[in-house]
Amino acid sequence: MSALQNKIDFAALVTVRMANSNGDPLNGNRPRTDYNGFGEISDVCIKRKVRNRMQDLGNKIFVQSNDRCDDGFGSLSERASATMKNIKDRETYQKTACETWLDVRSFGQVFAFKDTKGMSVGVRGPVSIHQAVSVSPVEIESLQITKSVNGEKKETKDDRASDTMGTKHFVRFGLYEIKGSINVQLAEKTGFSDEDAETIKECLRTLFVNDASSARPDGSMEVVKLYWWKHNCKDGQYSSAKVHRSLKVRQKDETALPTSLDDYEITLDNLDGLVPDVIEGV
């Protein structure tokens, strides 16, 4: 497969309804927000979901979560060691890693394990994804929950564990925008191809497939639109910033609390010679 030859920019509009879009472990796992109340989803969280979708589509990935491990290795070090046996130089190491794992040639990776004998190998990936931010401030609600069953066997039948208290947090409704780009110069270095770009597109379109949990019930998070700009040259006809700004999402009534996608107006500025594919999400 030949490396990508056309720069790509993309943006996805995501709705969140009665779900924890991305919990903050330093804040009681409340959905992430900035100081002005706008919801946030970290780029790390988005890349995790993209990696999961890569796996679902039959691709080999390096950074696997424990519950999705499909090759029997218990750590990144073990996975790297099994593939990189007897490789001594950085160039061959980088090339082999990129050829083996789609997420490495997409997002890059740092390999600094004991078996590299002090050799740190870094790969810069062509796919960059921004932190997602909601278009409007989000309303976060919390529910107190209890567990009224005994988790451990008690010494006597009269013993009974007290109810365990907990809290669940969720965004009532939010519209988030995910932005990203694919750089041709870095794609040439990692071997990232047009076919890989199509895989990224499909992963973004179906980002929340097989992602359900108690915090994110099935259907509570949805990619409603994916905008995909493919330039006619390596460096791009326009800057990524200008391309992303061409997608405008505005709340129709800023005094009201948005409850659905219908509360927003979505427009695209014309960029001469660059028309995006507009794809329905899942």
C-alpha atoms as a PDB file:
ATOM      1  CA  MET A   1       0.000   0.000   0.000  1.00  0.00           C
ATOM      2  CA  SER A   2       1.321   3.454  -0.887  1.00  0.00           C
ATOM      3  CA  ALA A   3       1.416   6.213   1.716  1.00  0.00           C
ATOM      4  CA  LEU A   4      -1.293   8.867   1.908  1.00  0.00           C
ATOM      5  CA  GLN A   5      -0.776  11.717  -0.597  1.00  0.00           C
ATOM      6  CA  ASN A   6      -3.595  14.128   0.298  1.00  0.00           C
ATOM      7  CA  LYS A   7      -3.967  15.992   3.568  1.00  0.00           C
ATOM      8  CA  ILE A   8      -7.208  15.274   5.412  1.00  0.00           C
ATOM      9  CA  ASP A   9      -9.133  17.283   8.002  1.00  0.00           C
ATOM     10  CA  PHE A  10     -12.171  15.967   9.812  1.00  0.00           C
ATOM     11  CA  ALA A  11     -14.786  16.958  12.366  1.00  0.00           C
ATOM     12  CA  ALA A  12     -17.473  14.904  14.081  1.00  0.00           C
ATOM     13  CA  LEU A  13     -20.560  16.145  15.909  1.00  0.00           C
ATOM     14  CA  VAL A  14     -21.452  13.940  18.872  1.00  0.00           C
ATOM     15  CA  THR A  15     -24.563  14.053  21.042  1.00  0.00           C
ATOM     16  CA  VAL A  16     -24.540  12.912  24.664  1.00  0.00           C
ATOM     17  CA  ARG A  17     -27.809  12.212  26.433  1.00  0.00           C
ATOM     18  CA  MET A  18     -28.068  11.032  30.065  1.00  0.00           C
ATOM     19  CA  ALA A  19     -24.515   9.633  29.973  1.00  0.00           C
ATOM     20  CA  ASN A  20     -21.089  10.263  31.463  1.00  0.00           C
ATOM     21  CA  SER A  21     -19.206  11.286  28.343  1.00  0.00           C
ATOM     22  CA  ASN A  22     -15.742  11.185  29.978  1.00  0.00           C
ATOM     23  CA  GLY A  23     -15.387  10.952  33.746  1.00  0.00           C
ATOM     24  CA  ASP A  24     -12.634  12.856  35.570  1.00  0.00           C
ATOM     25  CA  PRO A  25     -10.988  10.547  38.182  1.00  0.00           C
ATOM     26  CA  LEU A  26      -9.674  13.586  40.066  1.00  0.00           C
ATOM     27  CA  ASN A  27     -13.207  14.963  40.472  1.00  0.00           C
ATOM     28  CA  GLY A  28     -15.240  11.977  41.663  1.00  0.00           C
ATOM     29  CA  ASN A  29     -15.617  10.717  38.072  1.00  0.00           C
ATOM     30  CA  ARG A  30     -17.885  13.636  37.179  1.00  0.00           C
ATOM     31  CA  PRO A  31     -18.076  14.372  33.437  1.00  0.00           C
ATOM     32  CA  ARG A  32     -15.230  16.671  32.470  1.00  0.00           C
ATOM     33  CA  THR A  33     -16.010  20.382  32.153  1.00  0.00           C
ATOM     34  CA  ASP A  34     -13.985  23.568  31.964  1.00  0.00           C
ATOM     35  CA  TYR A  35     -14.426  26.509  34.348  1.00  0.00           C
ATOM     36  CA  ASN A  36     -17.202  27.937  32.161  1.00  0.00           C
ATOM     37  CA  GLY A  37     -19.255  24.730  32.230  1.00  0.00           C
ATOM     38  CA  PHE A  38     -18.466  23.514  28.712  1.00  0.00           C
ATOM     39  CA  GLY A  39     -18.183  19.735  28.497  1.00  0.00           C
ATOM     40  CA  GLU A  40     -14.905  18.115  27.489  1.00  0.00           C
ATOM     41  CA  ILE A  41     -13.821  14.704  26.215  1.00  0.00           C
ATOM     42  CA  SER A  42     -10.070  14.135  26.308  1.00  0.00           C
ATOM     43  CA  ASP A  43      -8.158  13.223  23.163  1.00  0.00           C
ATOM     44  CA  VAL A  44      -6.870  10.137  25.021  1.00  0.00           C
ATOM     45  CA  CYS A  45     -10.455   8.965  25.580  1.00  0.00           C
ATOM     46  CA  ILE A  46     -11.314   9.465  21.896  1.00  0.00           C
ATOM     47  CA  LYS A  47      -8.194   7.611  20.731  1.00  0.00           C
ATOM     48  CA  ARG A  48      -9.049   4.708  23.054  1.00  0.00           C
ATOM     49  CA  LYS A  49     -12.441   4.384  21.388  1.00  0.00           C
ATOM     50  CA  VAL A  50     -10.863   4.645  17.920  1.00  0.00           C
ATOM     51  CA  ARG A  51      -8.396   1.885  18.844  1.00  0.00           C
ATOM     52  CA  ASN A  52     -11.253  -0.309  20.048  1.00  0.00           C
ATOM     53  CA  ARG A  53     -13.034   0.174  16.749  1.00  0.00           C
ATOM     54  CA  MET A  54      -9.830  -0.614  14.835  1.00  0.00           C
ATOM     55  CA  GLN A  55      -9.728  -3.896  16.741  1.00  0.00           C
ATOM     56  CA  ASP A  56     -13.401  -4.586  16.018  1.00  0.00           C
ATOM     57  CA  LEU A  57     -12.685  -4.115  12.307  1.00  0.00           C
ATOM     58  CA  GLY A  58      -9.983  -6.789  12.398  1.00  0.00           C
ATOM     59  CA  ASN A  59      -6.844  -4.676  12.657  1.00  0.00           C
ATOM     60  CA  LYS A  60      -3.875  -5.403  14.914  1.00  0.00           C
ATOM     61  CA  ILE A  61      -3.254  -2.679  17.508  1.00  0.00           C
ATOM     62  CA  PHE A  62      -0.434  -2.205  19.997  1.00  0.00           C
ATOM     63  CA  VAL A  63      -2.145  -0.320  22.860  1.00  0.00           C
ATOM     64  CA  GLN A  64      -4.863  -2.760  23.897  1.00  0.00           C
ATOM     65  CA  SER A  65      -7.046  -2.397  26.977  1.00  0.00           C
ATOM     66  CA  ASN A  66      -6.974  -5.353  29.395  1.00  0.00           C
ATOM     67  CA  ASP A  67     -10.558  -6.411  28.736  1.00  0.00           C
ATOM     68  CA  ARG A  68      -9.962  -6.409  24.959  1.00  0.00           C
ATOM     69  CA  CYS A  69      -6.584  -8.152  24.817  1.00  0.00           C
ATOM     70  CA  ASP A  70      -6.643 -10.523  21.841  1.00  0.00           C
ATOM     71  CA  ASP A  71      -3.061 -11.828  21.716  1.00  0.00           C
ATOM     72  CA  GLY A  72      -2.432 -13.084  25.251  1.00  0.00           C
ATOM     73  CA  PHE A  73       0.216 -10.544  26.197  1.00  0.00           C
ATOM     74  CA  GLY A  74      -0.125  -8.948  29.632  1.00  0.00           C
ATOM     75  CA  SER A  75       1.766  -5.737  28.924  1.00  0.00           C
ATOM     76  CA  LEU A  76       3.013  -3.466  26.154  1.00  0.00           C
ATOM     77  CA  SER A  77       6.552  -4.617  26.898  1.00  0.00           C
ATOM     78  CA  GLU A  78       5.657  -8.285  26.302  1.00  0.00           C
ATOM     79  CA  ARG A  79       3.832  -7.417  23.093  1.00  0.00           C
ATOM     80  CA  ALA A  80       6.755  -5.399  21.773  1.00  0.00           C
ATOM     81  CA  SER A  81       9.327  -8.044  22.784  1.00  0.00           C
ATOM     82  CA  ALA A  82       7.504 -10.843  20.980  1.00  0.00           C
ATOM     83  CA  THR A  83       7.441  -8.873  17.725  1.00  0.00           C
ATOM     84  CA  MET A  84      10.777  -7.034  17.889  1.00  0.00           C
ATOM     85  CA  LYS A  85      13.068  -9.973  18.663  1.00  0.00           C
ATOM     86  CA  ASN A  86      16.728  -9.302  17.798  1.00  0.00           C
ATOM     87  CA  ILE A  87      16.049  -5.903  16.217  1.00  0.00           C
ATOM     88  CA  LYS A  88      18.990  -3.694  17.114  1.00  0.00           C
ATOM     89  CA  ASP A  89      18.576  -0.431  15.186  1.00  0.00           C
ATOM     90  CA  ARG A  90      15.934   2.273  15.549  1.00  0.00           C
ATOM     91  CA  GLU A  91      14.995   2.513  11.870  1.00  0.00           C
ATOM     92  CA  THR A  92      14.136  -1.180  11.562  1.00  0.00           C
ATOM     93  CA  TYR A  93      12.330  -1.073  14.918  1.00  0.00           C
ATOM     94  CA  GLN A  94      10.177   1.867  13.782  1.00  0.00           C
ATOM     95  CA  LYS A  95       9.450   0.293  10.406  1.00  0.00           C
ATOM     96  CA  THR A  96       8.450  -3.055  11.907  1.00  0.00           C
ATOM     97  CA  ALA A  97       6.210  -1.426  14.535  1.00  0.00           C
ATOM     98  CA  CYS A  98       4.416   0.682  11.918  1.00  0.00           C
ATOM     99  CA  GLU A  99       3.916  -2.279   9.601  1.00  0.00           C
ATOM    100  CA  THR A 100       2.564  -4.444  12.432  1.00  0.00           C
ATOM    101  CA  TRP A 101       0.162  -2.163  14.306  1.00  0.00           C
ATOM    102  CA  LEU A 102      -2.351   0.247  12.803  1.00  0.00           C
ATOM    103  CA  ASP A 103      -2.545   2.452  15.902  1.00  0.00           C
ATOM    104  CA  VAL A 104       1.239   2.935  15.873  1.00  0.00           C
ATOM    105  CA  ARG A 105       1.341   4.119  12.273  1.00  0.00           C
ATOM    106  CA  SER A 106      -1.740   6.275  12.971  1.00  0.00           C
ATOM    107  CA  PHE A 107      -1.084   7.917  16.355  1.00  0.00           C
ATOM    108  CA  GLY A 108       2.586   7.115  16.932  1.00  0.00           C
ATOM    109  CA  GLN A 109       4.120   5.479  19.997  1.00  0.00           C
ATOM    110  CA  VAL A 110       7.150   5.639  22.293  1.00  0.00           C
ATOM    111  CA  PHE A 111       8.936   2.321  22.851  1.00  0.00           C
ATOM    112  CA  ALA A 112      11.161   2.515  25.943  1.00  0.00           C
ATOM    113  CA  PHE A 113      11.229  -0.938  27.529  1.00  0.00           C
ATOM    114  CA  LYS A 114      13.924  -2.998  29.256  1.00  0.00           C
ATOM    115  CA  ASP A 115      14.484  -5.270  26.283  1.00  0.00           C
ATOM    116  CA  THR A 116      15.376  -2.298  24.054  1.00  0.00           C
ATOM    117  CA  LYS A 117      18.640  -2.138  26.073  1.00  0.00           C
ATOM    118  CA  GLY A 118      18.448   1.569  26.730  1.00  0.00           C
ATOM    119  CA  MET A 119      17.331   2.384  23.182  1.00  0.00           C
ATOM    120  CA  SER A 120      14.252   4.619  23.203  1.00  0.00           C
ATOM    121  CA  VAL A 121      12.334   4.455  19.932  1.00  0.00           C
ATOM    122  CA  GLY A 122       9.767   7.105  19.098  1.00  0.00           C
ATOM    123  CA  VAL A 123       7.241   7.131  16.260  1.00  0.00           C
ATOM    124  CA  ARG A 124       5.344  10.312  15.358  1.00  0.00           C
ATOM    125  CA  GLY A 125       1.946   9.492  13.959  1.00  0.00           C
ATOM    126  CA  PRO A 126       0.100  11.454  11.242  1.00  0.00           C
ATOM    127  CA  VAL A 127      -3.356  11.371  12.876  1.00  0.00           C
ATOM    128  CA  SER A 128      -3.947  14.138  15.426  1.00  0.00           C
ATOM    129  CA  ILE A 129      -7.185  14.456  17.382  1.00  0.00           C
ATOM    130  CA  HIS A 130      -8.186  17.478  19.448  1.00  0.00           C
ATOM    131  CA  GLN A 131      -9.874  17.398  22.813  1.00  0.00           C
ATOM    132  CA  ALA A 132     -13.630  17.510  22.168  1.00  0.00           C
ATOM    133  CA  VAL A 133     -15.576  20.458  23.605  1.00  0.00           C
ATOM    134  CA  SER A 134     -19.333  20.955  23.826  1.00  0.00           C
ATOM    135  CA  VAL A 135     -20.927  23.716  21.781  1.00  0.00           C
ATOM    136  CA  SER A 136     -22.884  24.967  24.818  1.00  0.00           C
ATOM    137  CA  PRO A 137     -22.359  24.600  28.568  1.00  0.00           C
ATOM    138  CA  VAL A 138     -23.657  21.250  29.807  1.00  0.00           C
ATOM    139  CA  GLU A 139     -25.896  20.468  32.762  1.00  0.00           C
ATOM    140  CA  ILE A 140     -24.510  17.710  34.989  1.00  0.00           C
ATOM    141  CA  GLU A 141     -26.778  15.751  37.300  1.00  0.00           C
ATOM    142  CA  SER A 142     -25.873  13.301  40.061  1.00  0.00           C
ATOM    143  CA  LEU A 143     -27.738  10.302  41.443  1.00  0.00           C
ATOM    144  CA  GLN A 144     -27.111   8.698  44.807  1.00  0.00           C
ATOM    145  CA  ILE A 145     -26.999   4.908  44.489  1.00  0.00           C
ATOM    146  CA  THR A 146     -26.826   2.069  47.020  1.00  0.00           C
ATOM    147  CA  LYS A 147     -25.809  -1.571  47.031  1.00  0.00           C
ATOM    148  CA  SER A 148     -27.941  -3.495  49.494  1.00  0.00           C
ATOM    149  CA  VAL A 149     -26.435  -6.968  49.100  1.00  0.00           C
ATOM    150  CA  ASN A 150     -23.649  -8.621  51.073  1.00  0.00           C
ATOM    151  CA  GLY A 151     -20.422  -8.693  49.145  1.00  0.00           C
ATOM    152  CA  GLU A 152     -18.714 -10.960  51.678  1.00  0.00           C
ATOM    153  CA  LYS A 153     -19.957 -13.917  53.735  1.00  0.00           C
ATOM    154  CA  LYS A 154     -20.552 -12.889  57.365  1.00  0.00           C
ATOM    155  CA  GLU A 155     -19.600 -14.788  60.517  1.00  0.00           C
ATOM    156  CA  THR A 156     -23.195 -15.167  61.727  1.00  0.00           C
ATOM    157  CA  LYS A 157     -26.544 -15.067  59.999  1.00  0.00           C
ATOM    158  CA  ASP A 158     -27.426 -11.907  61.905  1.00  0.00           C
ATOM    159  CA  ASP A 159     -24.509 -10.025  60.423  1.00  0.00           C
ATOM    160  CA  ARG A 160     -25.439  -7.866  57.498  1.00  0.00           C
ATOM    161  CA  ALA A 161     -23.291  -5.437  55.587  1.00  0.00           C
ATOM    162  CA  SER A 162     -24.535  -1.876  55.646  1.00  0.00           C
ATOM    163  CA  ASP A 163     -25.688  -0.405  52.351  1.00  0.00           C
ATOM    164  CA  THR A 164     -22.835   0.847  50.224  1.00  0.00           C
ATOM    165  CA  MET A 165     -23.372   4.398  49.064  1.00  0.00           C
ATOM    166  CA  GLY A 166     -22.203   5.745  45.749  1.00  0.00           C
ATOM    167  CA  THR A 167     -22.883   8.439  43.156  1.00  0.00           C
ATOM    168  CA  LYS A 168     -23.461   8.373  39.411  1.00  0.00           C
ATOM    169  CA  HIS A 169     -22.976  11.508  37.345  1.00  0.00           C
ATOM    170  CA  PHE A 170     -24.244  12.201  33.847  1.00  0.00           C
ATOM    171  CA  VAL A 171     -24.685  14.920  31.256  1.00  0.00           C
ATOM    172  CA  ARG A 172     -28.371  15.562  30.655  1.00  0.00           C
ATOM    173  CA  PHE A 173     -27.717  16.655  27.056  1.00  0.00           C
ATOM    174  CA  GLY A 174     -24.692  17.950  25.208  1.00  0.00           C
ATOM    175  CA  LEU A 175     -23.490  18.457  21.647  1.00  0.00           C
ATOM    176  CA  TYR A 176     -19.729  17.973  21.342  1.00  0.00           C
ATOM    177  CA  GLU A 177     -17.384  18.622  18.423  1.00  0.00           C
ATOM    178  CA  ILE A 178     -14.378  16.376  17.723  1.00  0.00           C
ATOM    179  CA  LYS A 179     -11.742  17.836  15.388  1.00  0.00           C
ATOM    180  CA  GLY A 180      -8.691  16.259  13.827  1.00  0.00           C
ATOM    181  CA  SER A 181      -6.292  16.082  10.898  1.00  0.00           C
ATOM    182  CA  ILE A 182      -4.060  13.634   9.018  1.00  0.00           C
ATOM    183  CA  ASN A 183      -0.603  14.905   8.053  1.00  0.00           C
ATOM    184  CA  VAL A 184       0.891  13.597   4.794  1.00  0.00           C
ATOM    185  CA  GLN A 185       4.565  14.126   5.700  1.00  0.00           C
ATOM    186  CA  LEU A 186       4.206  11.972   8.813  1.00  0.00           C
ATOM    187  CA  ALA A 187       2.049   9.457   6.917  1.00  0.00           C
ATOM    188  CA  GLU A 188       4.935   8.930   4.493  1.00  0.00           C
ATOM    189  CA  LYS A 189       7.247   8.145   7.411  1.00  0.00           C
ATOM    190  CA  THR A 190       4.933   5.601   9.067  1.00  0.00           C
ATOM    191  CA  GLY A 191       3.454   4.111   5.883  1.00  0.00           C
ATOM    192  CA  PHE A 192      -0.063   5.328   6.717  1.00  0.00           C
ATOM    193  CA  SER A 193      -2.132   4.756   3.563  1.00  0.00           C
ATOM    194  CA  ASP A 194      -5.393   5.831   1.935  1.00  0.00           C
ATOM    195  CA  GLU A 195      -6.855   2.517   3.126  1.00  0.00           C
ATOM    196  CA  ASP A 196      -5.811   3.376   6.688  1.00  0.00           C
ATOM    197  CA  ALA A 197      -7.495   6.772   6.339  1.00  0.00           C
ATOM    198  CA  GLU A 198     -10.712   5.032   5.296  1.00  0.00           C
ATOM    199  CA  THR A 199     -10.429   2.857   8.407  1.00  0.00           C
ATOM    200  CA  ILE A 200     -10.063   5.977  10.579  1.00  0.00           C
ATOM    201  CA  LYS A 201     -13.142   7.431   8.884  1.00  0.00           C
ATOM    202  CA  GLU A 202     -15.172   4.305   9.626  1.00  0.00           C
ATOM    203  CA  CYS A 203     -13.918   4.218  13.233  1.00  0.00           C
ATOM    204  CA  LEU A 204     -15.050   7.814  13.757  1.00  0.00           C
ATOM    205  CA  ARG A 205     -18.409   7.193  12.067  1.00  0.00           C
ATOM    206  CA  THR A 206     -19.077   4.250  14.397  1.00  0.00           C
ATOM    207  CA  LEU A 207     -17.158   5.574  17.411  1.00  0.00           C
ATOM    208  CA  PHE A 208     -19.594   4.360  20.081  1.00  0.00           C
ATOM    209  CA  VAL A 209     -20.419   0.945  18.656  1.00  0.00           C
ATOM    210  CA  ASN A 210     -19.611  -1.734  21.288  1.00  0.00           C
ATOM    211  CA  ASP A 211     -18.859   1.028  23.812  1.00  0.00           C
ATOM    212  CA  ALA A 212     -21.909   0.650  26.071  1.00  0.00           C
ATOM    213  CA  SER A 213     -21.526   0.604  29.853  1.00  0.00           C
ATOM    214  CA  SER A 214     -23.568   1.567  32.904  1.00  0.00           C
ATOM    215  CA  ALA A 215     -22.140   5.086  32.552  1.00  0.00           C
ATOM    216  CA  ARG A 216     -22.867   5.189  28.806  1.00  0.00           C
ATOM    217  CA  PRO A 217     -25.958   3.102  28.001  1.00  0.00           C
ATOM    218  CA  ASP A 218     -26.283   1.967  24.411  1.00  0.00           C
ATOM    219  CA  GLY A 219     -27.636   4.835  22.313  1.00  0.00           C
ATOM    220  CA  SER A 220     -26.814   7.544  24.851  1.00  0.00           C
ATOM    221  CA  MET A 221     -23.808   8.731  22.803  1.00  0.00           C
ATOM    222  CA  GLU A 222     -24.083   9.107  19.056  1.00  0.00           C
ATOM    223  CA  VAL A 223     -22.025  10.446  16.160  1.00  0.00           C
ATOM    224  CA  VAL A 224     -24.654  12.424  14.261  1.00  0.00           C
ATOM    225  CA  LYS A 225     -22.453  13.867  11.480  1.00  0.00           C
ATOM    226  CA  LEU A 226     -18.906  13.310  10.277  1.00  0.00           C
ATOM    227  CA  TYR A 227     -17.307  15.954   8.038  1.00  0.00           C
ATOM    228  CA  TRP A 228     -14.328  14.728   5.997  1.00  0.00           C
ATOM    229  CA  TRP A 229     -12.238  17.207   3.979  1.00  0.00           C
ATOM    230  CA  LYS A 230      -9.733  15.642   1.560  1.00  0.00           C
ATOM    231  CA  HIS A 231      -7.383  18.244   0.087  1.00  0.00           C
ATOM    232  CA  ASN A 232      -5.942  18.019  -3.425  1.00  0.00           C
ATOM    233  CA  CYS A 233      -2.320  18.317  -2.268  1.00  0.00           C
ATOM    234  CA  LYS A 234       0.052  17.240   0.495  1.00  0.00           C
ATOM    235  CA  ASP A 235       0.163  20.462   2.501  1.00  0.00           C
ATOM    236  CA  GLY A 236      -3.526  21.271   2.177  1.00  0.00           C
ATOM    237  CA  GLN A 237      -5.375  23.949   0.232  1.00  0.00           C
ATOM    238  CA  TYR A 238      -6.223  25.693   3.505  1.00  0.00           C
ATOM    239  CA  SER A 239      -4.920  25.486   7.053  1.00  0.00           C
ATOM    240  CA  SER A 240      -6.581  22.992   9.391  1.00  0.00           C
ATOM    241  CA  ALA A 241      -7.698  25.881  11.594  1.00  0.00           C
ATOM    242  CA  LYS A 242      -9.516  27.553   8.694  1.00  0.00           C
ATOM    243  CA  VAL A 243     -11.094  24.280   7.609  1.00  0.00           C
ATOM    244  CA  HIS A 244     -12.374  23.547  11.109  1.00  0.00           C
ATOM    245  CA  ARG A 245     -13.685  27.110  11.457  1.00  0.00           C
ATOM    246  CA  SER A 246     -15.728  26.641   8.280  1.00  0.00           C
ATOM    247  CA  LEU A 247     -18.037  24.339  10.251  1.00  0.00           C
ATOM    248  CA  LYS A 248     -20.240  26.574  12.373  1.00  0.00           C
ATOM    249  CA  VAL A 249     -22.575  25.218  15.048  1.00  0.00           C
ATOM    250  CA  ARG A 250     -24.758  27.760  16.836  1.00  0.00           C
ATOM    251  CA  GLN A 251     -27.435  27.381  19.466  1.00  0.00           C
ATOM    252  CA  LYS A 252     -30.649  28.873  18.075  1.00  0.00           C
ATOM    253  CA  ASP A 253     -31.882  30.253  21.388  1.00  0.00           C
ATOM    254  CA  GLU A 254     -28.966  30.943  23.723  1.00  0.00           C
ATOM    255  CA  THR A 255     -31.319  31.717  26.611  1.00  0.00           C
ATOM    256  CA  ALA A 256     -32.841  28.215  26.589  1.00  0.00           C
ATOM    257  CA  LEU A 257     -31.346  24.945  27.785  1.00  0.00           C
ATOM    258  CA  PRO A 258     -30.641  22.760  24.717  1.00  0.00           C
ATOM    259  CA  THR A 259     -32.257  19.340  24.815  1.00  0.00           C
ATOM    260  CA  SER A 260     -31.643  17.973  21.303  1.00  0.00           C
ATOM    261  CA  LEU A 261     -29.757  18.478  18.062  1.00  0.00           C
ATOM    262  CA  ASP A 262     -32.755  20.444  16.744  1.00  0.00           C
ATOM    263  CA  ASP A 263     -31.827  23.265  19.110  1.00  0.00           C
ATOM    264  CA  TYR A 264     -28.736  23.999  17.000  1.00  0.00           C
ATOM    265  CA  GLU A 265     -28.131  25.520  13.591  1.00  0.00           C
ATOM    266  CA  ILE A 266     -25.300  23.877  11.620  1.00  0.00           C
ATOM    267  CA  THR A 267     -23.761  25.653   8.614  1.00  0.00           C
ATOM    268  CA  LEU A 268     -20.693  25.206   6.414  1.00  0.00           C
ATOM    269  CA  ASP A 269     -18.737  28.137   4.984  1.00  0.00           C
ATOM    270  CA  ASN A 270     -17.714  27.690   1.373  1.00  0.00           C
ATOM    271  CA  LEU A 271     -14.041  26.918   0.812  1.00  0.00           C
ATOM    272  CA  ASP A 272     -13.287  27.260  -2.884  1.00  0.00           C
ATOM    273  CA  GLY A 273     -12.176  23.911  -4.294  1.00  0.00           C
ATOM    274  CA  LEU A 274     -12.614  21.997  -1.045  1.00  0.00           C
ATOM    275  CA  VAL A 275     -15.960  20.337  -0.387  1.00  0.00           C
ATOM    276  CA  PRO A 276     -16.274  17.841   2.502  1.00  0.00           C
ATOM    277  CA  ASP A 277     -17.961  14.481   2.488  1.00  0.00           C
ATOM    278  CA  VAL A 278     -20.799  14.745   5.002  1.00  0.00           C
ATOM    279  CA  ILE A 279     -21.467  11.309   6.466  1.00  0.00           C
ATOM    280  CA  GLU A 280     -24.258  10.136   8.749  1.00  0.00           C
ATOM    281  CA  GLY A 281     -22.836   8.650  11.927  1.00  0.00           C
ATOM    282  CA  VAL A 282     -23.978   5.827  14.185  1.00  0.00           C
END
